[in-house]
């Protein structure tokens, strides 16, 4: 049952409010791709993930998607005011 709502479970467990931080969609996708195998779940297809992510971020954290998150490669899509928890960036 949890596998069918794996993105929600991932976000609740691995994303936290952080007013001075931000996260890109790519960073979320990478962390989610590492999270699912650790739970022995099949990750959702990227198209489904990209459709569900903005809705869940708004519901869970009250954050809308930005198209100007600054990274070395330029502006990217993502969310302001949230960050990955440290354990998520370590693949746990």
PDB file of N, CA and C in Angstrom:
ATOM      1  N   UNK A   1       0.819  -1.185   0.000  1.00  0.00           N
ATOM      2  CA  UNK A   1       0.000   0.000   0.000  1.00  0.00           C
ATOM      3  C   UNK A   1       0.871   1.260   0.000  1.00  0.00           C
ATOM      4  N   UNK A   2       1.900   1.275   0.829  1.00  0.00           N
ATOM      5  CA  UNK A   2       2.773   2.451   0.889  1.00  0.00           C
ATOM      6  C   UNK A   2       3.484   2.675  -0.438  1.00  0.00           C
ATOM      7  N   UNK A   3       3.802   1.601  -1.153  1.00  0.00           N
ATOM      8  CA  UNK A   3       4.506   1.740  -2.422  1.00  0.00           C
ATOM      9  C   UNK A   3       3.689   2.551  -3.416  1.00  0.00           C
ATOM     10  N   UNK A   4       2.375   2.409  -3.393  1.00  0.00           N
ATOM     11  CA  UNK A   4       1.538   3.144  -4.338  1.00  0.00           C
ATOM     12  C   UNK A   4       1.538   4.645  -4.042  1.00  0.00           C
ATOM     13  N   UNK A   5       1.895   5.020  -2.834  1.00  0.00           N
ATOM     14  CA  UNK A   5       1.975   6.427  -2.452  1.00  0.00           C
ATOM     15  C   UNK A   5       3.419   6.764  -2.052  1.00  0.00           C
ATOM     16  N   UNK A   6       4.349   6.165  -2.770  1.00  0.00           N
ATOM     17  CA  UNK A   6       5.762   6.265  -2.399  1.00  0.00           C
ATOM     18  C   UNK A   6       6.302   7.690  -2.444  1.00  0.00           C
ATOM     19  N   UNK A   7       5.839   8.506  -3.365  1.00  0.00           N
ATOM     20  CA  UNK A   7       6.346   9.869  -3.439  1.00  0.00           C
ATOM     21  C   UNK A   7       5.929  10.655  -2.194  1.00  0.00           C
ATOM     22  N   UNK A   8       4.701  10.502  -1.760  1.00  0.00           N
ATOM     23  CA  UNK A   8       4.234  11.167  -0.538  1.00  0.00           C
ATOM     24  C   UNK A   8       5.076  10.702   0.659  1.00  0.00           C
ATOM     25  N   UNK A   9       5.279   9.397   0.791  1.00  0.00           N
ATOM     26  CA  UNK A   9       6.081   8.865   1.897  1.00  0.00           C
ATOM     27  C   UNK A   9       7.498   9.429   1.858  1.00  0.00           C
ATOM     28  N   UNK A  10       8.085   9.476   0.665  1.00  0.00           N
ATOM     29  CA  UNK A  10       9.423  10.030   0.513  1.00  0.00           C
ATOM     30  C   UNK A  10       9.465  11.485   0.961  1.00  0.00           C
ATOM     31  N   UNK A  11       8.537  12.292   0.499  1.00  0.00           N
ATOM     32  CA  UNK A  11       8.539  13.719   0.829  1.00  0.00           C
ATOM     33  C   UNK A  11       8.369  13.945   2.327  1.00  0.00           C
ATOM     34  N   UNK A  12       7.451  13.230   2.949  1.00  0.00           N
ATOM     35  CA  UNK A  12       7.227  13.387   4.387  1.00  0.00           C
ATOM     36  C   UNK A  12       8.478  13.016   5.172  1.00  0.00           C
ATOM     37  N   UNK A  13       9.146  11.945   4.766  1.00  0.00           N
ATOM     38  CA  UNK A  13      10.316  11.455   5.496  1.00  0.00           C
ATOM     39  C   UNK A  13      11.597  12.219   5.191  1.00  0.00           C
ATOM     40  N   UNK A  14      11.691  12.852   4.014  1.00  0.00           N
ATOM     41  CA  UNK A  14      12.981  13.358   3.566  1.00  0.00           C
ATOM     42  C   UNK A  14      13.051  14.835   3.200  1.00  0.00           C
ATOM     43  N   UNK A  15      11.945  15.533   3.240  1.00  0.00           N
ATOM     44  CA  UNK A  15      11.954  16.967   2.947  1.00  0.00           C
ATOM     45  C   UNK A  15      11.475  17.695   4.194  1.00  0.00           C
ATOM     46  N   UNK A  16      12.122  18.821   4.482  1.00  0.00           N
ATOM     47  CA  UNK A  16      11.772  19.589   5.675  1.00  0.00           C
ATOM     48  C   UNK A  16      11.688  21.071   5.339  1.00  0.00           C
ATOM     49  N   UNK A  17      10.819  21.789   6.033  1.00  0.00           N
ATOM     50  CA  UNK A  17      10.796  23.246   5.866  1.00  0.00           C
ATOM     51  C   UNK A  17      12.157  23.824   6.248  1.00  0.00           C
ATOM     52  N   UNK A  18      12.624  24.745   5.455  1.00  0.00           N
ATOM     53  CA  UNK A  18      13.912  25.396   5.699  1.00  0.00           C
ATOM     54  C   UNK A  18      13.849  26.746   4.988  1.00  0.00           C
ATOM     55  N   UNK A  19      13.427  27.788   5.695  1.00  0.00           N
ATOM     56  CA  UNK A  19      13.119  29.074   5.064  1.00  0.00           C
ATOM     57  C   UNK A  19      14.215  29.656   4.177  1.00  0.00           C
ATOM     58  N   UNK A  20      15.458  29.401   4.476  1.00  0.00           N
ATOM     59  CA  UNK A  20      16.558  30.009   3.723  1.00  0.00           C
ATOM     60  C   UNK A  20      17.128  29.092   2.643  1.00  0.00           C
ATOM     61  N   UNK A  21      16.493  27.962   2.400  1.00  0.00           N
ATOM     62  CA  UNK A  21      17.037  26.986   1.464  1.00  0.00           C
ATOM     63  C   UNK A  21      16.079  26.754   0.308  1.00  0.00           C
ATOM     64  N   UNK A  22      16.505  25.937  -0.631  1.00  0.00           N
ATOM     65  CA  UNK A  22      15.661  25.540  -1.760  1.00  0.00           C
ATOM     66  C   UNK A  22      16.146  24.192  -2.273  1.00  0.00           C
ATOM     67  N   UNK A  23      15.348  23.599  -3.132  1.00  0.00           N
ATOM     68  CA  UNK A  23      15.669  22.280  -3.694  1.00  0.00           C
ATOM     69  C   UNK A  23      15.153  22.235  -5.123  1.00  0.00           C
ATOM     70  N   UNK A  24      15.923  21.613  -6.001  1.00  0.00           N
ATOM     71  CA  UNK A  24      15.481  21.494  -7.392  1.00  0.00           C
ATOM     72  C   UNK A  24      14.682  20.207  -7.579  1.00  0.00           C
ATOM     73  N   UNK A  25      13.913  20.190  -8.643  1.00  0.00           N
ATOM     74  CA  UNK A  25      13.172  18.979  -8.991  1.00  0.00           C
ATOM     75  C   UNK A  25      14.157  17.835  -9.233  1.00  0.00           C
ATOM     76  N   UNK A  26      15.270  18.114  -9.890  1.00  0.00           N
ATOM     77  CA  UNK A  26      16.275  17.087 -10.149  1.00  0.00           C
ATOM     78  C   UNK A  26      16.851  16.495  -8.879  1.00  0.00           C
ATOM     79  N   UNK A  27      17.070  17.325  -7.880  1.00  0.00           N
ATOM     80  CA  UNK A  27      17.593  16.832  -6.596  1.00  0.00           C
ATOM     81  C   UNK A  27      16.571  15.937  -5.903  1.00  0.00           C
ATOM     82  N   UNK A  28      15.306  16.307  -5.993  1.00  0.00           N
ATOM     83  CA  UNK A  28      14.247  15.466  -5.432  1.00  0.00           C
ATOM     84  C   UNK A  28      14.183  14.141  -6.182  1.00  0.00           C
ATOM     85  N   UNK A  29      14.228  14.200  -7.510  1.00  0.00           N
ATOM     86  CA  UNK A  29      14.157  12.975  -8.316  1.00  0.00           C
ATOM     87  C   UNK A  29      15.299  12.021  -7.973  1.00  0.00           C
ATOM     88  N   UNK A  30      16.496  12.547  -7.826  1.00  0.00           N
ATOM     89  CA  UNK A  30      17.657  11.706  -7.516  1.00  0.00           C
ATOM     90  C   UNK A  30      17.520  11.063  -6.134  1.00  0.00           C
ATOM     91  N   UNK A  31      17.121  11.846  -5.149  1.00  0.00           N
ATOM     92  CA  UNK A  31      16.957  11.308  -3.800  1.00  0.00           C
ATOM     93  C   UNK A  31      15.831  10.275  -3.755  1.00  0.00           C
ATOM     94  N   UNK A  32      14.743  10.536  -4.472  1.00  0.00           N
ATOM     95  CA  UNK A  32      13.625   9.593  -4.536  1.00  0.00           C
ATOM     96  C   UNK A  32      14.060   8.287  -5.211  1.00  0.00           C
ATOM     97  N   UNK A  33      14.858   8.402  -6.256  1.00  0.00           N
ATOM     98  CA  UNK A  33      15.355   7.211  -6.963  1.00  0.00           C
ATOM     99  C   UNK A  33      16.239   6.352  -6.060  1.00  0.00           C
ATOM    100  N   UNK A  34      16.915   6.962  -5.108  1.00  0.00           N
ATOM    101  CA  UNK A  34      17.722   6.216  -4.140  1.00  0.00           C
ATOM    102  C   UNK A  34      16.877   5.659  -2.998  1.00  0.00           C
ATOM    103  N   UNK A  35      15.822   6.359  -2.652  1.00  0.00           N
ATOM    104  CA  UNK A  35      14.943   5.988  -1.542  1.00  0.00           C
ATOM    105  C   UNK A  35      14.143   4.713  -1.839  1.00  0.00           C
ATOM    106  N   UNK A  36      13.579   4.641  -3.023  1.00  0.00           N
ATOM    107  CA  UNK A  36      12.696   3.516  -3.350  1.00  0.00           C
ATOM    108  C   UNK A  36      13.381   2.149  -3.273  1.00  0.00           C
ATOM    109  N   UNK A  37      14.543   1.954  -3.879  1.00  0.00           N
ATOM    110  CA  UNK A  37      15.186   0.644  -3.760  1.00  0.00           C
ATOM    111  C   UNK A  37      15.521   0.279  -2.311  1.00  0.00           C
ATOM    112  N   UNK A  38      15.856   1.273  -1.495  1.00  0.00           N
ATOM    113  CA  UNK A  38      16.148   1.006  -0.087  1.00  0.00           C
ATOM    114  C   UNK A  38      14.908   0.467   0.634  1.00  0.00           C
ATOM    115  N   UNK A  39      13.727   0.848   0.167  1.00  0.00           N
ATOM    116  CA  UNK A  39      12.458   0.363   0.724  1.00  0.00           C
ATOM    117  C   UNK A  39      11.946  -0.875  -0.012  1.00  0.00           C
ATOM    118  N   UNK A  40      12.697  -1.292  -1.042  1.00  0.00           N
ATOM    119  CA  UNK A  40      12.298  -2.407  -1.909  1.00  0.00           C
ATOM    120  C   UNK A  40      11.015  -2.089  -2.675  1.00  0.00           C
ATOM    121  N   UNK A  41      10.904  -0.819  -3.080  1.00  0.00           N
ATOM    122  CA  UNK A  41       9.779  -0.343  -3.875  1.00  0.00           C
ATOM    123  C   UNK A  41      10.255  -0.010  -5.274  1.00  0.00           C
ATOM    124  N   UNK A  42       9.348  -0.131  -6.229  1.00  0.00           N
ATOM    125  CA  UNK A  42       9.618   0.345  -7.579  1.00  0.00           C
ATOM    126  C   UNK A  42       9.269   1.823  -7.624  1.00  0.00           C
ATOM    127  N   UNK A  43      10.200   2.667  -8.061  1.00  0.00           N
ATOM    128  CA  UNK A  43       9.879   4.099  -8.139  1.00  0.00           C
ATOM    129  C   UNK A  43       8.831   4.357  -9.214  1.00  0.00           C
ATOM    130  N   UNK A  44       8.100   5.431  -9.037  1.00  0.00           N
ATOM    131  CA  UNK A  44       7.113   5.835 -10.035  1.00  0.00           C
ATOM    132  C   UNK A  44       7.850   6.280 -11.296  1.00  0.00           C
ATOM    133  N   UNK A  45       7.227   6.122 -12.449  1.00  0.00           N
ATOM    134  CA  UNK A  45       7.832   6.650 -13.674  1.00  0.00           C
ATOM    135  C   UNK A  45       8.043   8.159 -13.557  1.00  0.00           C
ATOM    136  N   UNK A  46       9.074   8.656 -14.201  1.00  0.00           N
ATOM    137  CA  UNK A  46       9.433  10.073 -14.100  1.00  0.00           C
ATOM    138  C   UNK A  46       8.283  10.980 -14.506  1.00  0.00           C
ATOM    139  N   UNK A  47       7.510  10.585 -15.498  1.00  0.00           N
ATOM    140  CA  UNK A  47       6.381  11.416 -15.932  1.00  0.00           C
ATOM    141  C   UNK A  47       5.329  11.531 -14.834  1.00  0.00           C
ATOM    142  N   UNK A  48       5.079  10.455 -14.113  1.00  0.00           N
ATOM    143  CA  UNK A  48       4.117  10.467 -13.010  1.00  0.00           C
ATOM    144  C   UNK A  48       4.677  11.297 -11.862  1.00  0.00           C
ATOM    145  N   UNK A  49       5.950  11.100 -11.554  1.00  0.00           N
ATOM    146  CA  UNK A  49       6.588  11.851 -10.476  1.00  0.00           C
ATOM    147  C   UNK A  49       6.505  13.352 -10.739  1.00  0.00           C
ATOM    148  N   UNK A  50       6.827  13.763 -11.951  1.00  0.00           N
ATOM    149  CA  UNK A  50       6.804  15.196 -12.280  1.00  0.00           C
ATOM    150  C   UNK A  50       5.395  15.776 -12.272  1.00  0.00           C
ATOM    151  N   UNK A  51       4.393  14.948 -12.515  1.00  0.00           N
ATOM    152  CA  UNK A  51       3.002  15.411 -12.454  1.00  0.00           C
ATOM    153  C   UNK A  51       2.547  15.543 -11.005  1.00  0.00           C
ATOM    154  N   UNK A  52       2.884  14.573 -10.163  1.00  0.00           N
ATOM    155  CA  UNK A  52       2.422  14.540  -8.778  1.00  0.00           C
ATOM    156  C   UNK A  52       3.203  15.478  -7.860  1.00  0.00           C
ATOM    157  N   UNK A  53       4.475  15.713  -8.148  1.00  0.00           N
ATOM    158  CA  UNK A  53       5.342  16.466  -7.248  1.00  0.00           C
ATOM    159  C   UNK A  53       4.811  17.858  -6.902  1.00  0.00           C
ATOM    160  N   UNK A  54       4.448  18.695  -7.878  1.00  0.00           N
ATOM    161  CA  UNK A  54       3.955  20.031  -7.511  1.00  0.00           C
ATOM    162  C   UNK A  54       2.715  19.995  -6.616  1.00  0.00           C
ATOM    163  N   UNK A  55       1.807  19.069  -6.883  1.00  0.00           N
ATOM    164  CA  UNK A  55       0.594  18.948  -6.077  1.00  0.00           C
ATOM    165  C   UNK A  55       0.919  18.552  -4.646  1.00  0.00           C
ATOM    166  N   UNK A  56       1.823  17.600  -4.481  1.00  0.00           N
ATOM    167  CA  UNK A  56       2.185  17.141  -3.144  1.00  0.00           C
ATOM    168  C   UNK A  56       2.985  18.189  -2.376  1.00  0.00           C
ATOM    169  N   UNK A  57       3.869  18.909  -3.056  1.00  0.00           N
ATOM    170  CA  UNK A  57       4.640  19.951  -2.371  1.00  0.00           C
ATOM    171  C   UNK A  57       3.713  21.060  -1.872  1.00  0.00           C
ATOM    172  N   UNK A  58       2.693  21.383  -2.635  1.00  0.00           N
ATOM    173  CA  UNK A  58       1.727  22.390  -2.207  1.00  0.00           C
ATOM    174  C   UNK A  58       0.918  21.862  -1.019  1.00  0.00           C
ATOM    175  N   UNK A  59       0.457  20.635  -1.118  1.00  0.00           N
ATOM    176  CA  UNK A  59      -0.349  20.038  -0.047  1.00  0.00           C
ATOM    177  C   UNK A  59       0.453  19.878   1.247  1.00  0.00           C
ATOM    178  N   UNK A  60       1.653  19.337   1.155  1.00  0.00           N
ATOM    179  CA  UNK A  60       2.428  19.003   2.346  1.00  0.00           C
ATOM    180  C   UNK A  60       3.173  20.184   2.957  1.00  0.00           C
ATOM    181  N   UNK A  61       3.669  21.091   2.104  1.00  0.00           N
ATOM    182  CA  UNK A  61       4.545  22.156   2.589  1.00  0.00           C
ATOM    183  C   UNK A  61       4.050  23.563   2.253  1.00  0.00           C
ATOM    184  N   UNK A  62       2.956  23.647   1.502  1.00  0.00           N
ATOM    185  CA  UNK A  62       2.446  24.959   1.111  1.00  0.00           C
ATOM    186  C   UNK A  62       3.365  25.683   0.136  1.00  0.00           C
ATOM    187  N   UNK A  63       4.127  24.927  -0.659  1.00  0.00           N
ATOM    188  CA  UNK A  63       5.099  25.507  -1.588  1.00  0.00           C
ATOM    189  C   UNK A  63       4.679  25.267  -3.031  1.00  0.00           C
ATOM    190  N   UNK A  64       4.756  26.334  -3.826  1.00  0.00           N
ATOM    191  CA  UNK A  64       4.506  26.207  -5.252  1.00  0.00           C
ATOM    192  C   UNK A  64       5.836  26.133  -5.982  1.00  0.00           C
ATOM    193  N   UNK A  65       5.797  25.588  -7.166  1.00  0.00           N
ATOM    194  CA  UNK A  65       7.019  25.390  -7.938  1.00  0.00           C
ATOM    195  C   UNK A  65       7.539  26.711  -8.492  1.00  0.00           C
ATOM    196  N   UNK A  66       8.840  26.875  -8.404  1.00  0.00           N
ATOM    197  CA  UNK A  66       9.531  28.025  -8.967  1.00  0.00           C
ATOM    198  C   UNK A  66      10.293  27.561 -10.198  1.00  0.00           C
ATOM    199  N   UNK A  67      10.516  28.460 -11.119  1.00  0.00           N
ATOM    200  CA  UNK A  67      11.277  28.119 -12.320  1.00  0.00           C
ATOM    201  C   UNK A  67      12.630  28.823 -12.327  1.00  0.00           C
ATOM    202  N   UNK A  68      13.048  29.302 -11.154  1.00  0.00           N
ATOM    203  CA  UNK A  68      14.298  30.058 -11.104  1.00  0.00           C
ATOM    204  C   UNK A  68      15.149  29.716  -9.876  1.00  0.00           C
ATOM    205  N   UNK A  69      15.241  28.439  -9.563  1.00  0.00           N
ATOM    206  CA  UNK A  69      16.129  28.008  -8.479  1.00  0.00           C
ATOM    207  C   UNK A  69      17.552  28.048  -9.027  1.00  0.00           C
ATOM    208  N   UNK A  70      18.409  28.798  -8.387  1.00  0.00           N
ATOM    209  CA  UNK A  70      19.760  29.005  -8.907  1.00  0.00           C
ATOM    210  C   UNK A  70      20.691  27.856  -8.528  1.00  0.00           C
ATOM    211  N   UNK A  71      21.355  27.336  -9.551  1.00  0.00           N
ATOM    212  CA  UNK A  71      22.397  26.331  -9.393  1.00  0.00           C
ATOM    213  C   UNK A  71      23.519  26.709 -10.353  1.00  0.00           C
ATOM    214  N   UNK A  72      24.631  25.988 -10.286  1.00  0.00           N
ATOM    215  CA  UNK A  72      25.772  26.280 -11.161  1.00  0.00           C
ATOM    216  C   UNK A  72      25.395  26.243 -12.636  1.00  0.00           C
ATOM    217  N   UNK A  73      24.435  25.403 -12.983  1.00  0.00           N
ATOM    218  CA  UNK A  73      24.032  25.250 -14.382  1.00  0.00           C
ATOM    219  C   UNK A  73      22.969  26.254 -14.802  1.00  0.00           C
ATOM    220  N   UNK A  74      22.615  27.179 -13.907  1.00  0.00           N
ATOM    221  CA  UNK A  74      21.613  28.196 -14.229  1.00  0.00           C
ATOM    222  C   UNK A  74      20.332  27.981 -13.454  1.00  0.00           C
ATOM    223  N   UNK A  75      19.259  28.623 -13.908  1.00  0.00           N
ATOM    224  CA  UNK A  75      17.966  28.504 -13.241  1.00  0.00           C
ATOM    225  C   UNK A  75      17.314  27.162 -13.522  1.00  0.00           C
ATOM    226  N   UNK A  76      16.753  26.560 -12.490  1.00  0.00           N
ATOM    227  CA  UNK A  76      16.090  25.265 -12.614  1.00  0.00           C
ATOM    228  C   UNK A  76      14.744  25.310 -11.916  1.00  0.00           C
ATOM    229  N   UNK A  77      13.900  24.338 -12.247  1.00  0.00           N
ATOM    230  CA  UNK A  77      12.622  24.197 -11.553  1.00  0.00           C
ATOM    231  C   UNK A  77      12.879  23.629 -10.164  1.00  0.00           C
ATOM    232  N   UNK A  78      12.088  24.067  -9.192  1.00  0.00           N
ATOM    233  CA  UNK A  78      12.238  23.552  -7.839  1.00  0.00           C
ATOM    234  C   UNK A  78      11.324  24.267  -6.872  1.00  0.00           C
ATOM    235  N   UNK A  79      11.695  24.230  -5.600  1.00  0.00           N
ATOM    236  CA  UNK A  79      10.857  24.760  -4.535  1.00  0.00           C
ATOM    237  C   UNK A  79      11.707  25.520  -3.535  1.00  0.00           C
ATOM    238  N   UNK A  80      11.228  26.688  -3.141  1.00  0.00           N
ATOM    239  CA  UNK A  80      11.924  27.519  -2.156  1.00  0.00           C
ATOM    240  C   UNK A  80      11.353  27.241  -0.764  1.00  0.00           C
ATOM    241  N   UNK A  81      12.211  27.400   0.251  1.00  0.00           N
ATOM    242  CA  UNK A  81      11.757  27.259   1.626  1.00  0.00           C
ATOM    243  C   UNK A  81      11.702  25.841   2.144  1.00  0.00           C
ATOM    244  N   UNK A  82      12.290  24.908   1.404  1.00  0.00           N
ATOM    245  CA  UNK A  82      12.373  23.513   1.836  1.00  0.00           C
ATOM    246  C   UNK A  82      13.746  22.965   1.456  1.00  0.00           C
ATOM    247  N   UNK A  83      14.136  21.879   2.108  1.00  0.00           N
ATOM    248  CA  UNK A  83      15.415  21.247   1.817  1.00  0.00           C
ATOM    249  C   UNK A  83      15.309  19.752   2.070  1.00  0.00           C
ATOM    250  N   UNK A  84      16.196  19.000   1.447  1.00  0.00           N
ATOM    251  CA  UNK A  84      16.303  17.583   1.754  1.00  0.00           C
ATOM    252  C   UNK A  84      16.950  17.435   3.122  1.00  0.00           C
ATOM    253  N   UNK A  85      16.432  16.523   3.895  1.00  0.00           N
ATOM    254  CA  UNK A  85      17.075  16.210   5.173  1.00  0.00           C
ATOM    255  C   UNK A  85      18.434  15.586   4.873  1.00  0.00           C
ATOM    256  N   UNK A  86      19.359  15.742   5.761  1.00  0.00           N
ATOM    257  CA  UNK A  86      20.730  15.269   5.552  1.00  0.00           C
ATOM    258  C   UNK A  86      20.784  13.785   5.180  1.00  0.00           C
ATOM    259  N   UNK A  87      20.008  12.938   5.853  1.00  0.00           N
ATOM    260  CA  UNK A  87      20.050  11.493   5.578  1.00  0.00           C
ATOM    261  C   UNK A  87      19.592  11.177   4.164  1.00  0.00           C
ATOM    262  N   UNK A  88      18.717  11.996   3.589  1.00  0.00           N
ATOM    263  CA  UNK A  88      18.256  11.766   2.215  1.00  0.00           C
ATOM    264  C   UNK A  88      19.389  12.017   1.227  1.00  0.00           C
ATOM    265  N   UNK A  89      20.248  12.973   1.516  1.00  0.00           N
ATOM    266  CA  UNK A  89      21.352  13.271   0.597  1.00  0.00           C
ATOM    267  C   UNK A  89      22.446  12.230   0.701  1.00  0.00           C
ATOM    268  N   UNK A  90      22.432  11.427   1.763  1.00  0.00           N
ATOM    269  CA  UNK A  90      23.423  10.363   1.923  1.00  0.00           C
ATOM    270  C   UNK A  90      22.918   9.025   1.415  1.00  0.00           C
ATOM    271  N   UNK A  91      21.718   8.990   0.833  1.00  0.00           N
ATOM    272  CA  UNK A  91      21.173   7.765   0.282  1.00  0.00           C
ATOM    273  C   UNK A  91      20.527   6.874   1.296  1.00  0.00           C
ATOM    274  N   UNK A  92      20.219   7.356   2.490  1.00  0.00           N
ATOM    275  CA  UNK A  92      19.580   6.545   3.527  1.00  0.00           C
ATOM    276  C   UNK A  92      18.088   6.764   3.551  1.00  0.00           C
TER     277      UNK A  92
END
